[in-house]
Amino acid sequence: MNVYEMKKLFPIGIVVIVAFIFATMIFYALAPVNKTDSIIYLHVDSDDNVDSIADKMSAGCHPYGVWAVRIISRHTGYESHIRTGCYEINNTIGALMLYRHLRNGQQVPVRLTIPSVRTTERLAEELSSKLMMKKDDLMDYFSSNDSCAKYGQDTATIVCLFVPNTYEVYWNISPDKFLSKMMKEKEAFWNSERLAKAEALGLSPDEVVTLASIVEEETANNQEKPMVAGMYYNRLRKPMPLQADPTIKFALQNFELRRIYRNMLTVKSPYNTYVNEGLPPGPIRIPSVVGIDAVLNLVHHDYLYMCAKEDFSGTHNFAVTYSEHLKNAARYSAALNARGIK
């Protein structure tokens, strides 16, 4: 092949090379980037940049897909338009489509289950582990009466806002919008039927939740919860102190206690139901829906006392008189001593 012929072929070669590069780029841009058998969720937060987003993708995506997203992002000004959120990478989405979702903030909601926890600090930890919100930001809301007042609560009752169901929310939702959503969900939960039952008991919804939190701490047996609720309700109507051991644990912030001793009953706290009559200022945990409905459908009986059964079944012996209760308590105390539980 002479020089003249080579010169004629040179432009063709350039076109072929360019076409090959272009086709390769199109392939990389359109080919599925997910190399796993399941959906990948890419979380983009306020500290991310193009490189950190690509690094997050690298765990489950094809290298060419990561490369394509990085190249497209760098050449389209995405760095200055990064939008936080949770983005779905399914088995069909390509780099170009994924980039468009990232650029447009086209995120997917996450399923969030409100946990049944004992303290607002623990709640903040759980929520911040599942959402973009920071624990400290949530605690600022939970510990401020001014913030809580926007949702009809105070720092003692703010947990009443949370009904432990599963909800769909956006991962990057702000604390204010999240609490506003929880307030709407609470209003939906307290339908006319539940409100009527609470009114018949002479309790507000928040008081029902507070009583339910004590019932839930007393027993994990769902069938027994309406009985336990009925006993505490009888004490409220007397009135007489609730004398609920779980409130002492809450007052002491020691949830590992197996036994409550007499010297613990004088702890100075509004949650000490041995000293203060009536319900504590707010719930001692987020009760389950089962627990709330157990209060609303409590069993009406004459029992005023209860003590855990000596067989450690998790259920209770109920008593009408104090003398009968002392006998039940003596059997349980002997069982504890026999097992060396202090």
C-alpha atoms as a PDB file:
ATOM      1  CA  MET A   1       0.000   0.000   0.000  1.00  0.00           C
ATOM      2  CA  ASN A   2       1.476   3.292  -1.115  1.00  0.00           C
ATOM      3  CA  VAL A   3       1.444   6.578   0.762  1.00  0.00           C
ATOM      4  CA  TYR A   4      -1.406   7.959  -1.321  1.00  0.00           C
ATOM      5  CA  GLU A   5      -3.651   5.031  -0.435  1.00  0.00           C
ATOM      6  CA  MET A   6      -2.699   5.317   3.224  1.00  0.00           C
ATOM      7  CA  LYS A   7      -3.679   8.989   3.211  1.00  0.00           C
ATOM      8  CA  LYS A   8      -7.080   8.070   1.771  1.00  0.00           C
ATOM      9  CA  LEU A   9      -7.679   5.435   4.464  1.00  0.00           C
ATOM     10  CA  PHE A  10      -6.539   7.630   7.343  1.00  0.00           C
ATOM     11  CA  PRO A  11      -9.790   9.663   7.609  1.00  0.00           C
ATOM     12  CA  ILE A  12     -11.776   6.448   7.433  1.00  0.00           C
ATOM     13  CA  GLY A  13      -9.721   5.023  10.282  1.00  0.00           C
ATOM     14  CA  ILE A  14     -10.325   8.117  12.345  1.00  0.00           C
ATOM     15  CA  VAL A  15     -14.070   7.852  11.712  1.00  0.00           C
ATOM     16  CA  VAL A  16     -14.034   4.171  12.686  1.00  0.00           C
ATOM     17  CA  ILE A  17     -12.140   4.900  15.902  1.00  0.00           C
ATOM     18  CA  VAL A  18     -14.434   7.785  16.797  1.00  0.00           C
ATOM     19  CA  ALA A  19     -17.485   5.672  15.995  1.00  0.00           C
ATOM     20  CA  PHE A  20     -16.120   2.863  18.166  1.00  0.00           C
ATOM     21  CA  ILE A  21     -15.469   5.231  21.070  1.00  0.00           C
ATOM     22  CA  PHE A  22     -18.907   6.772  20.660  1.00  0.00           C
ATOM     23  CA  ALA A  23     -20.596   3.356  20.529  1.00  0.00           C
ATOM     24  CA  THR A  24     -18.641   2.242  23.580  1.00  0.00           C
ATOM     25  CA  MET A  25     -19.733   5.347  25.487  1.00  0.00           C
ATOM     26  CA  ILE A  26     -23.350   4.795  24.455  1.00  0.00           C
ATOM     27  CA  PHE A  27     -23.119   1.186  25.596  1.00  0.00           C
ATOM     28  CA  TYR A  28     -21.663   2.172  28.943  1.00  0.00           C
ATOM     29  CA  ALA A  29     -24.272   4.904  29.363  1.00  0.00           C
ATOM     30  CA  LEU A  30     -27.230   2.624  28.619  1.00  0.00           C
ATOM     31  CA  ALA A  31     -26.145  -0.790  29.923  1.00  0.00           C
ATOM     32  CA  PRO A  32     -27.473  -1.789  33.377  1.00  0.00           C
ATOM     33  CA  VAL A  33     -25.034  -0.706  36.083  1.00  0.00           C
ATOM     34  CA  ASN A  34     -26.266  -2.991  38.868  1.00  0.00           C
ATOM     35  CA  LYS A  35     -24.275  -6.231  38.975  1.00  0.00           C
ATOM     36  CA  THR A  36     -26.205  -7.801  41.874  1.00  0.00           C
ATOM     37  CA  ASP A  37     -29.480  -9.730  41.977  1.00  0.00           C
ATOM     38  CA  SER A  38     -31.173  -7.197  44.227  1.00  0.00           C
ATOM     39  CA  ILE A  39     -31.989  -3.499  44.237  1.00  0.00           C
ATOM     40  CA  ILE A  40     -29.215  -1.183  45.412  1.00  0.00           C
ATOM     41  CA  TYR A  41     -30.141   1.961  47.317  1.00  0.00           C
ATOM     42  CA  LEU A  42     -27.724   4.832  46.843  1.00  0.00           C
ATOM     43  CA  HIS A  43     -27.827   7.405  49.660  1.00  0.00           C
ATOM     44  CA  VAL A  44     -26.556  10.850  48.723  1.00  0.00           C
ATOM     45  CA  ASP A  45     -26.084  13.242  51.622  1.00  0.00           C
ATOM     46  CA  SER A  46     -25.085  16.886  51.899  1.00  0.00           C
ATOM     47  CA  ASP A  47     -21.366  16.047  52.175  1.00  0.00           C
ATOM     48  CA  ASP A  48     -21.174  14.024  48.961  1.00  0.00           C
ATOM     49  CA  ASN A  49     -19.426  14.956  45.728  1.00  0.00           C
ATOM     50  CA  VAL A  50     -19.076  13.203  42.371  1.00  0.00           C
ATOM     51  CA  ASP A  51     -16.227  11.004  43.559  1.00  0.00           C
ATOM     52  CA  SER A  52     -17.848   9.958  46.845  1.00  0.00           C
ATOM     53  CA  ILE A  53     -21.087   9.090  45.024  1.00  0.00           C
ATOM     54  CA  ALA A  54     -19.110   6.946  42.585  1.00  0.00           C
ATOM     55  CA  ASP A  55     -17.315   5.308  45.516  1.00  0.00           C
ATOM     56  CA  LYS A  56     -20.662   4.429  47.111  1.00  0.00           C
ATOM     57  CA  MET A  57     -21.762   2.841  43.822  1.00  0.00           C
ATOM     58  CA  SER A  58     -18.634   0.721  43.474  1.00  0.00           C
ATOM     59  CA  ALA A  59     -19.755  -1.885  46.041  1.00  0.00           C
ATOM     60  CA  GLY A  60     -22.564  -3.265  43.879  1.00  0.00           C
ATOM     61  CA  CYS A  61     -22.224  -1.714  40.435  1.00  0.00           C
ATOM     62  CA  HIS A  62     -20.204  -2.639  37.358  1.00  0.00           C
ATOM     63  CA  PRO A  63     -16.965  -0.622  37.049  1.00  0.00           C
ATOM     64  CA  TYR A  64     -18.030   0.672  33.635  1.00  0.00           C
ATOM     65  CA  GLY A  65     -21.273   1.951  35.127  1.00  0.00           C
ATOM     66  CA  VAL A  66     -19.443   3.738  37.917  1.00  0.00           C
ATOM     67  CA  TRP A  67     -17.029   5.201  35.365  1.00  0.00           C
ATOM     68  CA  ALA A  68     -19.886   6.379  33.115  1.00  0.00           C
ATOM     69  CA  VAL A  69     -21.738   8.104  35.954  1.00  0.00           C
ATOM     70  CA  ARG A  70     -18.518   9.786  37.052  1.00  0.00           C
ATOM     71  CA  ILE A  71     -17.715  11.017  33.504  1.00  0.00           C
ATOM     72  CA  ILE A  72     -21.249  12.244  32.780  1.00  0.00           C
ATOM     73  CA  SER A  73     -21.458  13.994  36.144  1.00  0.00           C
ATOM     74  CA  ARG A  74     -18.140  15.782  35.727  1.00  0.00           C
ATOM     75  CA  HIS A  75     -18.975  17.096  32.266  1.00  0.00           C
ATOM     76  CA  THR A  76     -22.491  18.360  33.012  1.00  0.00           C
ATOM     77  CA  GLY A  77     -21.929  20.551  36.056  1.00  0.00           C
ATOM     78  CA  TYR A  78     -23.608  18.070  38.402  1.00  0.00           C
ATOM     79  CA  GLU A  79     -21.047  18.803  41.119  1.00  0.00           C
ATOM     80  CA  SER A  80     -22.749  22.130  41.824  1.00  0.00           C
ATOM     81  CA  HIS A  81     -26.277  20.661  41.674  1.00  0.00           C
ATOM     82  CA  ILE A  82     -26.011  17.569  43.862  1.00  0.00           C
ATOM     83  CA  ARG A  83     -29.368  16.743  45.456  1.00  0.00           C
ATOM     84  CA  THR A  84     -29.584  14.608  48.562  1.00  0.00           C
ATOM     85  CA  GLY A  85     -31.831  11.579  48.741  1.00  0.00           C
ATOM     86  CA  CYS A  86     -32.174   7.821  48.444  1.00  0.00           C
ATOM     87  CA  TYR A  87     -31.940   6.635  44.843  1.00  0.00           C
ATOM     88  CA  GLU A  88     -32.891   3.205  43.531  1.00  0.00           C
ATOM     89  CA  ILE A  89     -30.520   1.298  41.279  1.00  0.00           C
ATOM     90  CA  ASN A  90     -32.475  -1.655  39.923  1.00  0.00           C
ATOM     91  CA  ASN A  91     -31.323  -4.309  37.471  1.00  0.00           C
ATOM     92  CA  THR A  92     -32.376  -2.383  34.363  1.00  0.00           C
ATOM     93  CA  ILE A  93     -31.293   1.190  34.981  1.00  0.00           C
ATOM     94  CA  GLY A  94     -28.295   2.480  33.016  1.00  0.00           C
ATOM     95  CA  ALA A  95     -25.739   5.114  33.948  1.00  0.00           C
ATOM     96  CA  LEU A  96     -27.428   7.858  31.932  1.00  0.00           C
ATOM     97  CA  MET A  97     -30.853   7.237  33.474  1.00  0.00           C
ATOM     98  CA  LEU A  98     -29.334   6.983  36.945  1.00  0.00           C
ATOM     99  CA  TYR A  99     -27.559  10.278  36.378  1.00  0.00           C
ATOM    100  CA  ARG A 100     -30.863  11.891  35.368  1.00  0.00           C
ATOM    101  CA  HIS A 101     -32.480  10.624  38.565  1.00  0.00           C
ATOM    102  CA  LEU A 102     -29.609  12.009  40.610  1.00  0.00           C
ATOM    103  CA  ARG A 103     -29.646  15.329  38.788  1.00  0.00           C
ATOM    104  CA  ASN A 104     -33.436  15.740  39.102  1.00  0.00           C
ATOM    105  CA  GLY A 105     -33.639  14.512  42.689  1.00  0.00           C
ATOM    106  CA  GLN A 106     -35.899  11.664  41.598  1.00  0.00           C
ATOM    107  CA  GLN A 107     -35.505   9.611  44.760  1.00  0.00           C
ATOM    108  CA  VAL A 108     -37.592   6.764  46.152  1.00  0.00           C
ATOM    109  CA  PRO A 109     -39.261   6.730  49.594  1.00  0.00           C
ATOM    110  CA  VAL A 110     -37.921   4.471  52.316  1.00  0.00           C
ATOM    111  CA  ARG A 111     -40.051   2.302  54.593  1.00  0.00           C
ATOM    112  CA  LEU A 112     -39.533   3.476  58.154  1.00  0.00           C
ATOM    113  CA  THR A 113     -40.801   1.539  61.161  1.00  0.00           C
ATOM    114  CA  ILE A 114     -41.189   3.563  64.334  1.00  0.00           C
ATOM    115  CA  PRO A 115     -39.495   1.518  67.058  1.00  0.00           C
ATOM    116  CA  SER A 116     -40.969   0.869  70.501  1.00  0.00           C
ATOM    117  CA  VAL A 117     -38.146   2.402  72.549  1.00  0.00           C
ATOM    118  CA  ARG A 118     -37.959   3.812  76.070  1.00  0.00           C
ATOM    119  CA  THR A 119     -36.270   7.195  75.661  1.00  0.00           C
ATOM    120  CA  THR A 120     -36.190  10.065  73.193  1.00  0.00           C
ATOM    121  CA  GLU A 121     -32.426   9.644  72.956  1.00  0.00           C
ATOM    122  CA  ARG A 122     -32.844   6.054  71.827  1.00  0.00           C
ATOM    123  CA  LEU A 123     -35.556   7.146  69.395  1.00  0.00           C
ATOM    124  CA  ALA A 124     -33.242   9.792  67.946  1.00  0.00           C
ATOM    125  CA  GLU A 125     -30.508   7.169  67.531  1.00  0.00           C
ATOM    126  CA  GLU A 126     -32.850   4.789  65.715  1.00  0.00           C
ATOM    127  CA  LEU A 127     -34.255   7.458  63.401  1.00  0.00           C
ATOM    128  CA  SER A 128     -30.854   8.946  62.571  1.00  0.00           C
ATOM    129  CA  SER A 129     -29.598   5.468  61.633  1.00  0.00           C
ATOM    130  CA  LYS A 130     -32.366   5.112  59.049  1.00  0.00           C
ATOM    131  CA  LEU A 131     -32.747   8.701  57.800  1.00  0.00           C
ATOM    132  CA  MET A 132     -30.391  11.518  56.828  1.00  0.00           C
ATOM    133  CA  MET A 133     -31.299  13.427  59.987  1.00  0.00           C
ATOM    134  CA  LYS A 134     -28.671  13.736  62.693  1.00  0.00           C
ATOM    135  CA  LYS A 135     -29.310  12.554  66.232  1.00  0.00           C
ATOM    136  CA  ASP A 136     -28.376  15.941  67.721  1.00  0.00           C
ATOM    137  CA  ASP A 137     -30.825  17.762  65.442  1.00  0.00           C
ATOM    138  CA  LEU A 138     -33.648  15.461  66.547  1.00  0.00           C
ATOM    139  CA  MET A 139     -32.702  15.843  70.210  1.00  0.00           C
ATOM    140  CA  ASP A 140     -32.883  19.626  69.788  1.00  0.00           C
ATOM    141  CA  TYR A 141     -36.550  19.158  68.848  1.00  0.00           C
ATOM    142  CA  PHE A 142     -37.301  16.548  71.508  1.00  0.00           C
ATOM    143  CA  SER A 143     -35.747  18.595  74.326  1.00  0.00           C
ATOM    144  CA  SER A 144     -37.358  21.944  73.508  1.00  0.00           C
ATOM    145  CA  ASN A 145     -40.886  22.702  74.735  1.00  0.00           C
ATOM    146  CA  ASP A 146     -41.156  25.442  72.109  1.00  0.00           C
ATOM    147  CA  SER A 147     -40.383  22.940  69.332  1.00  0.00           C
ATOM    148  CA  CYS A 148     -42.684  20.276  70.778  1.00  0.00           C
ATOM    149  CA  ALA A 149     -45.517  22.789  71.166  1.00  0.00           C
ATOM    150  CA  LYS A 150     -45.743  23.104  67.358  1.00  0.00           C
ATOM    151  CA  TYR A 151     -47.000  19.523  67.353  1.00  0.00           C
ATOM    152  CA  GLY A 152     -49.304  19.835  70.343  1.00  0.00           C
ATOM    153  CA  GLN A 153     -46.865  18.183  72.755  1.00  0.00           C
ATOM    154  CA  ASP A 154     -44.235  18.972  75.379  1.00  0.00           C
ATOM    155  CA  THR A 155     -40.903  17.316  76.093  1.00  0.00           C
ATOM    156  CA  ALA A 156     -42.586  14.677  78.278  1.00  0.00           C
ATOM    157  CA  THR A 157     -45.319  13.765  75.785  1.00  0.00           C
ATOM    158  CA  ILE A 158     -43.498  14.199  72.467  1.00  0.00           C
ATOM    159  CA  VAL A 159     -43.253  10.401  72.116  1.00  0.00           C
ATOM    160  CA  CYS A 160     -47.068  10.332  71.984  1.00  0.00           C
ATOM    161  CA  LEU A 161     -46.612  11.719  68.486  1.00  0.00           C
ATOM    162  CA  PHE A 162     -45.151   8.427  67.298  1.00  0.00           C
ATOM    163  CA  VAL A 163     -47.499   5.549  66.556  1.00  0.00           C
ATOM    164  CA  PRO A 164     -45.273   2.488  65.975  1.00  0.00           C
ATOM    165  CA  ASN A 165     -46.344   1.566  62.476  1.00  0.00           C
ATOM    166  CA  THR A 166     -44.390   1.466  59.216  1.00  0.00           C
ATOM    167  CA  TYR A 167     -44.486   4.587  57.063  1.00  0.00           C
ATOM    168  CA  GLU A 168     -43.072   5.706  53.731  1.00  0.00           C
ATOM    169  CA  VAL A 169     -40.914   8.827  54.002  1.00  0.00           C
ATOM    170  CA  TYR A 170     -38.113  10.354  51.992  1.00  0.00           C
ATOM    171  CA  TRP A 171     -34.680   9.589  53.387  1.00  0.00           C
ATOM    172  CA  ASN A 172     -33.655  13.263  53.358  1.00  0.00           C
ATOM    173  CA  ILE A 173     -36.800  14.537  55.086  1.00  0.00           C
ATOM    174  CA  SER A 174     -36.155  17.365  57.551  1.00  0.00           C
ATOM    175  CA  PRO A 175     -36.966  16.966  61.273  1.00  0.00           C
ATOM    176  CA  ASP A 176     -39.738  19.556  60.999  1.00  0.00           C
ATOM    177  CA  LYS A 177     -41.433  17.863  58.040  1.00  0.00           C
ATOM    178  CA  PHE A 178     -40.969  14.462  59.634  1.00  0.00           C
ATOM    179  CA  LEU A 179     -42.636  15.501  62.889  1.00  0.00           C
ATOM    180  CA  SER A 180     -45.424  17.181  60.925  1.00  0.00           C
ATOM    181  CA  LYS A 181     -46.010  13.897  59.121  1.00  0.00           C
ATOM    182  CA  MET A 182     -46.040  12.017  62.418  1.00  0.00           C
ATOM    183  CA  MET A 183     -48.648  14.465  63.735  1.00  0.00           C
ATOM    184  CA  LYS A 184     -50.876  13.729  60.732  1.00  0.00           C
ATOM    185  CA  GLU A 185     -50.380  10.004  61.197  1.00  0.00           C
ATOM    186  CA  LYS A 186     -51.303  10.327  64.874  1.00  0.00           C
ATOM    187  CA  GLU A 187     -54.478  12.204  63.968  1.00  0.00           C
ATOM    188  CA  ALA A 188     -55.370   9.451  61.493  1.00  0.00           C
ATOM    189  CA  PHE A 189     -54.685   6.749  64.081  1.00  0.00           C
ATOM    190  CA  TRP A 190     -56.955   8.403  66.634  1.00  0.00           C
ATOM    191  CA  ASN A 191     -60.110   7.873  64.622  1.00  0.00           C
ATOM    192  CA  SER A 192     -63.607   8.455  65.963  1.00  0.00           C
ATOM    193  CA  GLU A 193     -63.836   4.940  67.408  1.00  0.00           C
ATOM    194  CA  ARG A 194     -60.625   5.200  69.416  1.00  0.00           C
ATOM    195  CA  LEU A 195     -61.457   8.728  70.557  1.00  0.00           C
ATOM    196  CA  ALA A 196     -64.887   7.581  71.752  1.00  0.00           C
ATOM    197  CA  LYS A 197     -63.340   4.742  73.763  1.00  0.00           C
ATOM    198  CA  ALA A 198     -60.806   7.089  75.349  1.00  0.00           C
ATOM    199  CA  GLU A 199     -63.548   9.561  76.232  1.00  0.00           C
ATOM    200  CA  ALA A 200     -65.616   6.789  77.820  1.00  0.00           C
ATOM    201  CA  LEU A 201     -62.646   6.045  80.087  1.00  0.00           C
ATOM    202  CA  GLY A 202     -62.211   9.715  80.916  1.00  0.00           C
ATOM    203  CA  LEU A 203     -58.745   9.742  79.385  1.00  0.00           C
ATOM    204  CA  SER A 204     -57.144  11.850  76.684  1.00  0.00           C
ATOM    205  CA  PRO A 205     -55.299  10.103  73.833  1.00  0.00           C
ATOM    206  CA  ASP A 206     -51.951  11.043  75.386  1.00  0.00           C
ATOM    207  CA  GLU A 207     -53.062   9.646  78.754  1.00  0.00           C
ATOM    208  CA  VAL A 208     -54.082   6.412  77.042  1.00  0.00           C
ATOM    209  CA  VAL A 209     -50.610   6.197  75.477  1.00  0.00           C
ATOM    210  CA  THR A 210     -48.968   6.918  78.843  1.00  0.00           C
ATOM    211  CA  LEU A 211     -50.967   4.173  80.555  1.00  0.00           C
ATOM    212  CA  ALA A 212     -50.275   1.817  77.646  1.00  0.00           C
ATOM    213  CA  SER A 213     -46.538   2.418  78.057  1.00  0.00           C
ATOM    214  CA  ILE A 214     -46.739   1.194  81.664  1.00  0.00           C
ATOM    215  CA  VAL A 215     -48.822  -1.822  80.671  1.00  0.00           C
ATOM    216  CA  GLU A 216     -46.281  -2.737  77.980  1.00  0.00           C
ATOM    217  CA  GLU A 217     -43.443  -2.577  80.498  1.00  0.00           C
ATOM    218  CA  GLU A 218     -45.373  -4.804  82.891  1.00  0.00           C
ATOM    219  CA  THR A 219     -46.166  -7.624  80.497  1.00  0.00           C
ATOM    220  CA  ALA A 220     -45.234  -8.864  77.042  1.00  0.00           C
ATOM    221  CA  ASN A 221     -48.275 -11.135  77.039  1.00  0.00           C
ATOM    222  CA  ASN A 222     -50.766  -9.503  74.693  1.00  0.00           C
ATOM    223  CA  GLN A 223     -53.696 -11.479  76.102  1.00  0.00           C
ATOM    224  CA  GLU A 224     -52.957 -10.216  79.612  1.00  0.00           C
ATOM    225  CA  LYS A 225     -52.516  -6.554  78.697  1.00  0.00           C
ATOM    226  CA  PRO A 226     -56.245  -5.628  78.960  1.00  0.00           C
ATOM    227  CA  MET A 227     -56.282  -7.168  82.473  1.00  0.00           C
ATOM    228  CA  VAL A 228     -53.211  -5.195  83.549  1.00  0.00           C
ATOM    229  CA  ALA A 229     -54.699  -2.044  82.045  1.00  0.00           C
ATOM    230  CA  GLY A 230     -57.915  -2.667  84.005  1.00  0.00           C
ATOM    231  CA  MET A 231     -56.005  -2.959  87.285  1.00  0.00           C
ATOM    232  CA  TYR A 232     -54.160   0.325  86.788  1.00  0.00           C
ATOM    233  CA  TYR A 233     -57.375   1.980  85.664  1.00  0.00           C
ATOM    234  CA  ASN A 234     -59.004   0.894  88.935  1.00  0.00           C
ATOM    235  CA  ARG A 235     -56.186   2.591  90.836  1.00  0.00           C
ATOM    236  CA  LEU A 236     -56.612   5.774  88.830  1.00  0.00           C
ATOM    237  CA  ARG A 237     -60.325   5.855  89.681  1.00  0.00           C
ATOM    238  CA  LYS A 238     -59.836   5.327  93.434  1.00  0.00           C
ATOM    239  CA  PRO A 239     -57.601   7.417  93.365  1.00  0.00           C
ATOM    240  CA  MET A 240     -54.533   5.672  94.714  1.00  0.00           C
ATOM    241  CA  PRO A 241     -50.902   5.630  93.616  1.00  0.00           C
ATOM    242  CA  LEU A 242     -50.254   3.484  90.576  1.00  0.00           C
ATOM    243  CA  GLN A 243     -47.150   2.052  92.279  1.00  0.00           C
ATOM    244  CA  ALA A 244     -45.865   0.793  88.951  1.00  0.00           C
ATOM    245  CA  ASP A 245     -42.343  -0.622  89.192  1.00  0.00           C
ATOM    246  CA  PRO A 246     -41.470   0.241  85.567  1.00  0.00           C
ATOM    247  CA  THR A 247     -41.864   3.942  86.379  1.00  0.00           C
ATOM    248  CA  ILE A 248     -39.154   3.555  89.037  1.00  0.00           C
ATOM    249  CA  LYS A 249     -36.824   2.059  86.431  1.00  0.00           C
ATOM    250  CA  PHE A 250     -37.599   5.008  84.168  1.00  0.00           C
ATOM    251  CA  ALA A 251     -37.042   7.515  86.974  1.00  0.00           C
ATOM    252  CA  LEU A 252     -33.670   5.907  87.720  1.00  0.00           C
ATOM    253  CA  GLN A 253     -32.938   5.455  83.986  1.00  0.00           C
ATOM    254  CA  ASN A 254     -31.874   1.910  84.824  1.00  0.00           C
ATOM    255  CA  PHE A 255     -33.790  -0.518  82.632  1.00  0.00           C
ATOM    256  CA  GLU A 256     -31.736  -3.567  83.566  1.00  0.00           C
ATOM    257  CA  LEU A 257     -33.118  -3.807  87.105  1.00  0.00           C
ATOM    258  CA  ARG A 258     -34.625  -7.212  87.880  1.00  0.00           C
ATOM    259  CA  ARG A 259     -35.881  -6.264  91.344  1.00  0.00           C
ATOM    260  CA  ILE A 260     -37.156  -3.017  92.832  1.00  0.00           C
ATOM    261  CA  TYR A 261     -36.088  -2.450  96.435  1.00  0.00           C
ATOM    262  CA  ARG A 262     -37.720  -0.233  99.048  1.00  0.00           C
ATOM    263  CA  ASN A 263     -34.905   2.336  99.026  1.00  0.00           C
ATOM    264  CA  MET A 264     -35.568   2.931  95.305  1.00  0.00           C
ATOM    265  CA  LEU A 265     -39.174   3.932  95.920  1.00  0.00           C
ATOM    266  CA  THR A 266     -38.237   7.360  97.288  1.00  0.00           C
ATOM    267  CA  VAL A 267     -36.376   8.557  94.191  1.00  0.00           C
ATOM    268  CA  LYS A 268     -37.295  12.162  93.514  1.00  0.00           C
ATOM    269  CA  SER A 269     -38.913  12.197  90.097  1.00  0.00           C
ATOM    270  CA  PRO A 270     -42.300  13.084  88.632  1.00  0.00           C
ATOM    271  CA  TYR A 271     -42.208   9.554  87.186  1.00  0.00           C
ATOM    272  CA  ASN A 272     -42.157   7.954  90.648  1.00  0.00           C
ATOM    273  CA  THR A 273     -45.696   6.571  90.844  1.00  0.00           C
ATOM    274  CA  TYR A 274     -45.132   5.348  94.399  1.00  0.00           C
ATOM    275  CA  VAL A 275     -44.883   8.966  95.587  1.00  0.00           C
ATOM    276  CA  ASN A 276     -47.020  10.801  93.032  1.00  0.00           C
ATOM    277  CA  GLU A 277     -50.640   9.909  92.403  1.00  0.00           C
ATOM    278  CA  GLY A 278     -52.026   9.634  88.906  1.00  0.00           C
ATOM    279  CA  LEU A 279     -50.205   9.063  85.657  1.00  0.00           C
ATOM    280  CA  PRO A 280     -46.601  10.185  85.123  1.00  0.00           C
ATOM    281  CA  PRO A 281     -46.023  13.296  82.971  1.00  0.00           C
ATOM    282  CA  GLY A 282     -45.682  11.205  79.827  1.00  0.00           C
ATOM    283  CA  PRO A 283     -45.036   7.718  78.459  1.00  0.00           C
ATOM    284  CA  ILE A 284     -42.118   5.655  79.731  1.00  0.00           C
ATOM    285  CA  ARG A 285     -41.748   4.110  76.285  1.00  0.00           C
ATOM    286  CA  ILE A 286     -43.428   4.192  72.884  1.00  0.00           C
ATOM    287  CA  PRO A 287     -46.144   1.554  73.321  1.00  0.00           C
ATOM    288  CA  SER A 288     -47.258  -0.723  70.525  1.00  0.00           C
ATOM    289  CA  VAL A 289     -50.632  -0.414  68.825  1.00  0.00           C
ATOM    290  CA  VAL A 290     -51.594  -3.618  70.675  1.00  0.00           C
ATOM    291  CA  GLY A 291     -50.755  -1.923  73.964  1.00  0.00           C
ATOM    292  CA  ILE A 292     -52.759   1.190  73.140  1.00  0.00           C
ATOM    293  CA  ASP A 293     -55.775  -0.844  72.092  1.00  0.00           C
ATOM    294  CA  ALA A 294     -55.418  -2.968  75.249  1.00  0.00           C
ATOM    295  CA  VAL A 295     -56.043   0.167  77.304  1.00  0.00           C
ATOM    296  CA  LEU A 296     -58.934   1.268  75.115  1.00  0.00           C
ATOM    297  CA  ASN A 297     -60.452  -2.216  75.473  1.00  0.00           C
ATOM    298  CA  LEU A 298     -59.382  -2.853  79.059  1.00  0.00           C
ATOM    299  CA  VAL A 299     -61.106  -5.517  81.151  1.00  0.00           C
ATOM    300  CA  HIS A 300     -63.360  -4.124  83.864  1.00  0.00           C
ATOM    301  CA  HIS A 301     -62.767  -6.055  87.101  1.00  0.00           C
ATOM    302  CA  ASP A 302     -62.221  -5.416  90.829  1.00  0.00           C
ATOM    303  CA  TYR A 303     -58.514  -6.179  91.064  1.00  0.00           C
ATOM    304  CA  LEU A 304     -56.271  -3.524  92.623  1.00  0.00           C
ATOM    305  CA  TYR A 305     -53.035  -5.468  92.920  1.00  0.00           C
ATOM    306  CA  MET A 306     -50.899  -7.721  90.795  1.00  0.00           C
ATOM    307  CA  CYS A 307     -47.601  -9.525  91.145  1.00  0.00           C
ATOM    308  CA  ALA A 308     -45.544 -11.506  88.674  1.00  0.00           C
ATOM    309  CA  LYS A 309     -46.202 -15.218  88.921  1.00  0.00           C
ATOM    310  CA  GLU A 310     -43.593 -17.315  90.690  1.00  0.00           C
ATOM    311  CA  ASP A 311     -43.354 -19.640  87.690  1.00  0.00           C
ATOM    312  CA  PHE A 312     -41.710 -16.828  85.662  1.00  0.00           C
ATOM    313  CA  SER A 313     -44.240 -17.304  82.879  1.00  0.00           C
ATOM    314  CA  GLY A 314     -44.345 -13.570  82.293  1.00  0.00           C
ATOM    315  CA  THR A 315     -47.949 -13.345  83.514  1.00  0.00           C
ATOM    316  CA  HIS A 316     -49.354 -12.137  86.843  1.00  0.00           C
ATOM    317  CA  ASN A 317     -51.375 -13.107  89.880  1.00  0.00           C
ATOM    318  CA  PHE A 318     -54.121 -10.535  90.509  1.00  0.00           C
ATOM    319  CA  ALA A 319     -55.620  -9.698  93.886  1.00  0.00           C
ATOM    320  CA  VAL A 320     -58.498  -7.628  95.242  1.00  0.00           C
ATOM    321  CA  THR A 321     -57.123  -7.158  98.761  1.00  0.00           C
ATOM    322  CA  TYR A 322     -53.703  -6.133  99.961  1.00  0.00           C
ATOM    323  CA  SER A 323     -53.380  -9.170 102.223  1.00  0.00           C
ATOM    324  CA  GLU A 324     -53.939 -11.465  99.243  1.00  0.00           C
ATOM    325  CA  HIS A 325     -51.381  -9.472  97.278  1.00  0.00           C
ATOM    326  CA  LEU A 326     -48.773  -9.886 100.033  1.00  0.00           C
ATOM    327  CA  LYS A 327     -49.121 -13.656  99.773  1.00  0.00           C
ATOM    328  CA  ASN A 328     -48.584 -13.478  96.004  1.00  0.00           C
ATOM    329  CA  ALA A 329     -45.597 -11.170  96.487  1.00  0.00           C
ATOM    330  CA  ALA A 330     -44.037 -13.497  99.079  1.00  0.00           C
ATOM    331  CA  ARG A 331     -44.202 -16.443  96.660  1.00  0.00           C
ATOM    332  CA  TYR A 332     -42.607 -14.405  93.896  1.00  0.00           C
ATOM    333  CA  SER A 333     -39.890 -13.040  96.184  1.00  0.00           C
ATOM    334  CA  ALA A 334     -39.034 -16.580  97.322  1.00  0.00           C
ATOM    335  CA  ALA A 335     -38.774 -17.680  93.683  1.00  0.00           C
ATOM    336  CA  LEU A 336     -36.400 -14.792  92.945  1.00  0.00           C
ATOM    337  CA  ASN A 337     -34.251 -15.674  95.945  1.00  0.00           C
ATOM    338  CA  ALA A 338     -34.179 -19.329  94.902  1.00  0.00           C
ATOM    339  CA  ARG A 339     -32.791 -18.309  91.530  1.00  0.00           C
ATOM    340  CA  GLY A 340     -30.335 -15.849  93.017  1.00  0.00           C
ATOM    341  CA  ILE A 341     -31.904 -12.897  91.194  1.00  0.00           C
ATOM    342  CA  LYS A 342     -31.011  -9.611  92.880  1.00  0.00           C
END
